Protein backbone atom coordinates (compact mmCIF):
# COMPACT_ATOMS: atom_id res chain seq x y z
CA UNK A 1 43.01 108.27 -18.74
CA UNK A 2 43.05 107.80 -15.13
CA UNK A 3 46.07 108.86 -13.09
CA UNK A 4 46.91 106.84 -10.02
CA UNK A 5 49.01 108.65 -7.40
CA UNK A 6 50.93 106.32 -5.16
CA UNK A 7 53.76 106.91 -2.49
CA UNK A 8 56.60 105.42 -4.58
CA UNK A 9 57.09 102.33 -2.41
CA UNK A 10 56.99 98.70 -3.83
CA UNK A 11 53.97 98.08 -1.51
CA UNK A 12 52.42 101.17 -2.92
CA UNK A 13 53.12 100.11 -6.43
CA UNK A 14 51.48 96.73 -5.86
CA UNK A 15 48.47 98.33 -4.08
CA UNK A 16 48.11 100.64 -7.27
CA UNK A 17 47.99 97.36 -9.34
CA UNK A 18 45.27 96.04 -7.15
CA UNK A 19 43.16 99.19 -7.72
CA UNK A 20 43.76 98.89 -11.45
CA UNK A 21 42.24 95.35 -11.55
CA UNK A 22 39.72 96.05 -8.86
CA UNK A 23 38.14 98.97 -10.76
CA UNK A 24 38.87 97.39 -14.06
CA UNK A 25 40.86 100.43 -15.33
CA UNK A 26 42.07 100.26 -18.82
CA UNK A 27 43.81 103.69 -19.68
CA UNK A 28 46.03 104.24 -16.74
CA UNK A 29 49.08 106.33 -15.62
CA UNK A 30 50.90 105.68 -12.53
CA UNK A 31 52.63 108.55 -10.83
CA UNK A 32 54.79 108.71 -7.81
CA UNK A 33 54.35 111.74 -5.46
CA UNK A 34 51.97 113.55 -3.03
CA UNK A 35 48.23 113.76 -3.71
CA UNK A 36 47.21 117.21 -4.92
CA UNK A 37 43.43 118.22 -4.99
CA UNK A 38 43.86 121.32 -7.16
CA UNK A 39 44.12 119.39 -10.54
CA UNK A 40 41.31 120.41 -12.76
CA UNK A 41 39.79 118.20 -15.56
CA UNK A 42 41.94 115.27 -14.70
CA UNK A 43 40.62 111.76 -13.60
CA UNK A 44 42.96 111.26 -10.61
CA UNK A 45 42.89 108.48 -7.98
CA UNK A 46 44.95 108.55 -4.60
CA UNK A 47 46.40 105.17 -3.77
CA UNK A 48 46.67 104.47 -0.10
CA UNK A 49 49.16 101.84 0.54
CA UNK A 50 47.46 98.84 1.88
CA UNK A 51 49.77 95.85 2.83
CA UNK A 52 46.98 93.17 2.55
CA UNK A 53 46.07 94.28 -0.96
CA UNK A 54 49.82 94.54 -2.00
CA UNK A 55 50.29 90.92 -0.64
CA UNK A 56 47.49 89.55 -2.84
CA UNK A 57 49.06 91.22 -5.92
CA UNK A 58 52.40 89.69 -4.91
CA UNK A 59 51.02 86.33 -4.34
CA UNK A 60 49.52 86.37 -7.75
CA UNK A 61 52.90 87.42 -9.32
CA UNK A 62 54.52 84.51 -7.42
CA UNK A 63 52.14 82.17 -9.31
CA UNK A 64 53.25 83.62 -12.66
CA UNK A 65 56.90 84.37 -11.98
CA UNK A 66 59.89 82.64 -10.57
CA UNK A 67 61.53 83.90 -7.40
CA UNK A 68 64.02 85.39 -9.50
CA UNK A 69 61.56 87.11 -11.55
CA UNK A 70 59.97 88.70 -8.61
CA UNK A 71 63.45 89.92 -7.54
CA UNK A 72 64.12 91.37 -10.97
CA UNK A 73 60.79 93.34 -10.85
CA UNK A 74 61.71 94.69 -7.45
CA UNK A 75 65.03 95.83 -8.74
CA UNK A 76 63.48 97.42 -11.52
CA UNK A 77 61.21 99.47 -9.34
CA UNK A 78 64.35 100.49 -7.11
CA UNK A 79 65.79 102.27 -10.29
CA UNK A 80 63.25 104.97 -9.63
CA UNK A 81 63.68 106.22 -13.12
CA UNK A 82 61.13 108.86 -14.02
CA UNK A 83 58.49 107.88 -16.14
CA UNK A 84 59.27 104.11 -16.20
CA UNK A 85 56.13 103.30 -14.29
CA UNK A 86 54.38 102.99 -17.53
CA UNK A 87 56.82 100.16 -18.45
CA UNK A 88 56.57 98.48 -15.11
CA UNK A 89 52.81 98.50 -15.30
CA UNK A 90 52.94 97.20 -18.91
CA UNK A 91 55.17 94.37 -17.63
CA UNK A 92 52.87 93.35 -14.66
CA UNK A 93 49.77 93.40 -16.98
CA UNK A 94 51.67 91.19 -19.45
CA UNK A 95 52.70 88.81 -16.70
CA UNK A 96 49.05 88.36 -15.69
CA UNK A 97 47.64 88.27 -19.11
CA UNK A 98 50.14 85.66 -20.50
CA UNK A 99 49.31 81.99 -20.01
CA UNK A 100 53.08 81.07 -19.85
CA UNK A 101 56.01 82.45 -18.05
CA UNK A 102 57.19 85.62 -20.01
CA UNK A 103 60.57 86.36 -18.07
CA UNK A 104 62.68 85.60 -21.16
CA UNK A 105 60.30 87.00 -23.75
CA UNK A 106 62.71 89.70 -24.80
CA UNK A 107 60.77 90.33 -27.95
CA UNK A 108 58.15 92.09 -25.68
CA UNK A 109 59.33 95.77 -25.16
CA UNK A 110 58.09 95.57 -21.50
CA UNK A 111 60.22 92.61 -20.74
CA UNK A 112 63.12 94.00 -22.62
CA UNK A 113 62.99 97.39 -20.71
CA UNK A 114 62.68 95.75 -17.47
CA UNK A 115 65.76 93.69 -18.27
CA UNK A 116 67.66 96.89 -19.02
CA UNK A 117 66.63 98.49 -15.81
CA UNK A 118 67.66 95.53 -13.83
CA UNK A 119 71.12 95.39 -15.35
CA UNK A 120 71.72 99.15 -14.46
CA UNK A 121 70.44 98.50 -10.98
CA UNK A 122 72.69 95.53 -10.39
CA UNK A 123 75.61 97.38 -11.93
CA UNK A 124 75.25 100.07 -9.29
CA UNK A 125 74.66 97.49 -6.59
CA UNK A 126 78.06 95.88 -7.34
CA UNK A 127 79.88 99.31 -7.53
CA UNK A 128 78.43 100.17 -4.08
CA UNK A 129 79.58 96.76 -2.71
CA UNK A 130 83.11 97.45 -4.01
CA UNK A 131 83.40 101.37 -3.28
CA UNK A 132 81.77 101.67 0.16
CA UNK A 133 84.48 102.85 2.73
CA UNK A 134 83.61 102.80 6.34
CA UNK A 135 84.77 105.33 9.08
CA UNK A 136 84.62 104.55 12.76
CA UNK A 137 82.45 106.78 14.93
CA UNK A 138 82.91 107.62 18.58
CA UNK A 139 80.52 104.83 19.76
CA UNK A 140 82.53 102.28 17.75
CA UNK A 141 79.88 102.06 14.87
CA UNK A 142 81.38 102.14 11.44
CA UNK A 143 79.74 104.72 9.03
CA UNK A 144 79.74 105.07 5.23
CA UNK A 145 77.87 107.71 3.31
CA UNK A 146 76.97 106.93 -0.28
CA UNK A 147 75.12 108.55 -3.09
CA UNK A 148 74.12 105.74 -5.42
CA UNK A 149 72.36 106.54 -8.87
CA UNK A 150 69.58 104.18 -8.12
CA UNK A 151 67.95 103.26 -4.88
CA UNK A 152 70.10 100.13 -4.20
CA UNK A 153 70.39 100.40 -0.40
CA UNK A 154 68.00 97.63 0.48
CA UNK A 155 69.82 95.40 -2.02
CA UNK A 156 73.02 95.74 -0.14
CA UNK A 157 71.73 94.12 3.16
CA UNK A 158 72.81 90.61 2.25
CA UNK A 159 76.38 91.45 1.20
CA UNK A 160 77.40 93.73 4.01
CA UNK A 161 75.52 91.78 6.68
CA UNK A 162 77.50 88.69 5.68
CA UNK A 163 80.93 90.39 5.13
CA UNK A 164 80.68 92.59 8.23
CA UNK A 165 78.80 90.42 10.71
CA UNK A 166 81.08 91.15 13.72
CA UNK A 167 80.81 94.90 13.27
CA UNK A 168 78.11 97.60 13.96
CA UNK A 169 77.72 99.67 10.88
CA UNK A 170 75.63 102.21 9.13
CA UNK A 171 75.38 102.72 5.45
CA UNK A 172 73.64 106.02 4.73
CA UNK A 173 72.11 107.17 1.26
CA UNK A 174 72.86 110.94 1.45
CA UNK A 175 70.78 111.55 -1.59
CA UNK A 176 67.63 109.87 -0.45
CA UNK A 177 67.89 110.65 3.23
CA UNK A 178 67.80 107.24 4.79
CA UNK A 179 70.20 104.56 5.93
CA UNK A 180 70.76 100.95 6.95
CA UNK A 181 71.79 100.08 10.43
CA UNK A 182 73.15 96.77 11.55
CA UNK A 183 73.59 96.14 15.39
CA UNK A 184 75.33 92.66 15.33
CA UNK A 185 71.95 91.01 15.14
CA UNK A 186 69.46 92.73 12.96
CA UNK A 187 69.39 95.40 10.39
CA UNK A 188 66.91 98.26 10.23
CA UNK A 189 66.26 101.38 8.06
CA UNK A 190 67.01 104.60 9.89
CA UNK A 191 67.28 108.48 9.32
CA UNK A 192 69.93 110.59 10.90
CA UNK A 193 69.99 114.14 11.86
CA UNK A 194 73.66 114.55 10.86
CA UNK A 195 73.41 112.90 7.55
CA UNK A 196 73.16 116.02 5.46
CA UNK A 197 76.80 116.94 6.51
CA UNK A 198 79.13 116.28 3.86
CA UNK A 199 80.88 113.04 4.33
CA UNK A 200 84.36 114.58 4.74
CA UNK A 201 83.21 116.69 7.57
CA UNK A 202 81.67 113.74 9.38
CA UNK A 203 85.09 112.73 10.37
CA UNK A 204 85.09 115.16 13.31
CA UNK A 205 82.95 112.48 15.01
CA UNK A 206 85.36 109.70 14.24
CA UNK A 207 87.87 108.23 16.60
CA UNK A 208 91.56 108.83 16.68
CA UNK A 209 92.24 105.18 15.34
CA UNK A 210 90.19 105.81 12.42
CA UNK A 211 92.16 108.89 11.50
CA UNK A 212 95.37 106.84 11.75
CA UNK A 213 93.71 104.23 9.60
CA UNK A 214 92.71 106.77 6.97
CA UNK A 215 96.32 108.17 7.00
CA UNK A 216 97.74 104.77 6.16
CA UNK A 217 95.03 104.22 3.52
CA UNK A 218 96.03 107.50 1.79
CA UNK A 219 99.66 106.53 2.09
CA UNK A 220 98.84 103.14 0.49
CA UNK A 221 97.12 104.89 -2.24
CA UNK A 222 100.13 107.14 -3.01
CA UNK A 223 102.49 104.19 -2.89
CA UNK A 224 100.56 102.50 -5.71
CA UNK A 225 100.38 105.60 -7.72
CA UNK A 226 104.09 106.11 -8.48
CA UNK A 227 104.55 108.53 -11.35
CA UNK A 228 105.93 105.92 -13.71
CA UNK A 229 103.00 103.64 -13.24
CA UNK A 230 100.30 106.22 -12.57
CA UNK A 231 97.29 105.51 -14.82
CA UNK A 232 94.45 107.98 -14.17
CA UNK A 233 92.30 106.72 -16.86
CA UNK A 234 92.51 103.15 -15.49
CA UNK A 235 91.70 104.38 -12.04
CA UNK A 236 88.79 106.24 -13.17
CA UNK A 237 87.49 103.15 -15.00
CA UNK A 238 87.81 101.23 -11.58
CA UNK A 239 86.42 103.86 -9.51
CA UNK A 240 84.18 106.33 -11.26
CA UNK A 241 84.72 110.05 -10.12
CA UNK A 242 81.31 110.46 -8.62
CA UNK A 243 82.47 107.84 -5.95
CA UNK A 244 85.80 109.56 -5.10
CA UNK A 245 84.35 111.89 -2.39
CA UNK A 246 83.29 108.83 -0.33
CA UNK A 247 86.76 107.21 -0.44
CA UNK A 248 89.19 108.08 2.26
CA UNK A 249 92.09 108.24 -0.04
CA UNK A 250 90.33 111.06 -1.94
CA UNK A 251 89.33 113.17 1.06
């Protein structure tokens, strides 16, 4: 068994796939993380992410999968579920080995598992699109902190760039320590020094207008939660509790 250590990126994954076929490795384990040289009695290989090699594998996948199939593979990778590299590798090998398109071959365990992961990631993506609440920073940029179960931030670009095209904004994944910044023209991935501050404390940097807006938002929330009509279970169903701390009405 050969263990390939890669950096956890999609490009790193594709580079690892290239190495598997380049060296004709049969019994392989993919592992995300840093290279360690003190492992004894293990056949381990460090994968250095190589864009040119990753592109060659991606080109091969495009010849075997539809554009949607490529997107689904990317989404499954973004789930970042521990131990699922085995299923992703099995899926990619099945793609290359099969003569026909295998995207809907749900009788295959790898295809089925990829489909399940894609559903989980898409569900989380839609929840983030619905529950993100922006707060205005001193420089006029709108900031939102999120902690999604899966690494869906790159999947949110299209939605928020379209919906808030006339505003500068930052959506920051606090759990993973990186964010997405839109400057009215382009989007880029960033890291912020203050991002480890709890979202409710970041308000110290917000403008007075945003404080007023949050007050109005909270009052609106209270007005629709009149005692006789209050349905906590229903609200929990619409907004899972783990998202409450990032919503102004819950601060």
